[in-house]
Protein backbone atom coordinates (compact mmCIF):
# COMPACT_ATOMS: atom_id res chain seq x y z
CA UNK A 1 52.61 -28.92 -55.36
CA UNK A 2 49.17 -27.85 -54.21
CA UNK A 3 47.81 -26.82 -50.87
CA UNK A 4 47.36 -30.43 -49.76
CA UNK A 5 49.45 -33.45 -50.53
CA UNK A 6 47.42 -36.31 -52.03
CA UNK A 7 47.32 -38.23 -48.74
CA UNK A 8 46.44 -35.19 -46.63
CA UNK A 9 43.35 -34.04 -48.57
CA UNK A 10 42.06 -37.58 -48.75
CA UNK A 11 42.45 -38.14 -45.01
CA UNK A 12 40.94 -34.73 -44.19
CA UNK A 13 38.03 -35.32 -46.58
CA UNK A 14 37.31 -38.77 -45.17
CA UNK A 15 37.43 -37.39 -41.64
CA UNK A 16 34.81 -34.74 -42.50
CA UNK A 17 32.66 -37.18 -44.49
CA UNK A 18 32.71 -39.86 -41.79
CA UNK A 19 31.69 -37.29 -39.20
CA UNK A 20 28.52 -36.30 -41.06
CA UNK A 21 25.72 -38.73 -41.88
CA UNK A 22 24.50 -36.93 -45.02
CA UNK A 23 27.94 -36.30 -46.50
CA UNK A 24 28.86 -39.93 -45.91
CA UNK A 25 25.77 -41.11 -47.80
CA UNK A 26 26.54 -38.75 -50.69
CA UNK A 27 30.17 -39.90 -50.79
CA UNK A 28 29.16 -43.57 -50.85
CA UNK A 29 26.73 -42.84 -53.69
CA UNK A 30 29.49 -41.14 -55.68
CA UNK A 31 31.81 -44.10 -55.03
CA UNK A 32 29.27 -46.43 -56.68
CA UNK A 33 28.40 -44.02 -59.49
CA UNK A 34 31.80 -42.56 -60.33
CA UNK A 35 35.00 -42.95 -58.26
CA UNK A 36 36.44 -39.84 -59.96
CA UNK A 37 33.48 -37.78 -58.70
CA UNK A 38 33.98 -39.27 -55.24
CA UNK A 39 37.60 -38.04 -55.23
CA UNK A 40 36.49 -34.58 -56.39
CA UNK A 41 33.90 -34.57 -53.60
CA UNK A 42 36.59 -35.42 -51.01
CA UNK A 43 38.85 -32.67 -52.34
CA UNK A 44 36.04 -30.13 -52.09
CA UNK A 45 34.99 -31.23 -48.60
CA UNK A 46 38.60 -31.20 -47.35
CA UNK A 47 39.00 -27.57 -48.44
CA UNK A 48 35.46 -26.48 -47.45
CA UNK A 49 34.78 -28.30 -44.20
CA UNK A 50 31.84 -26.08 -43.22
CA UNK A 51 30.01 -26.30 -46.57
CA UNK A 52 26.38 -27.37 -46.13
CA UNK A 53 24.66 -27.55 -49.52
CA UNK A 54 27.17 -29.01 -51.96
CA UNK A 55 26.24 -29.51 -55.59
CA UNK A 56 27.96 -30.26 -58.88
CA UNK A 57 28.24 -27.31 -61.28
CA UNK A 58 27.89 -28.86 -64.73
CA UNK A 59 29.26 -25.78 -66.52
CA UNK A 60 32.41 -25.48 -64.40
CA UNK A 61 32.78 -29.24 -63.89
CA UNK A 62 33.38 -28.85 -60.15
CA UNK A 63 31.59 -28.87 -56.81
CA UNK A 64 30.20 -25.64 -55.39
CA UNK A 65 28.52 -24.72 -52.13
């Protein structure tokens, strides 16, 4: 079991994303492009609520701030 249960990180991530215009736009773009990436984005945002410049690290295959 991780830090967040599946439901908790998703709810927390959506709360952060819906509260920020830019993050919401990025999330919606990921939903259209790749739902798996959208889930990874929510996981990252739920753990790093204050992150400003979020990008995908191709080498590590994860989001970084």
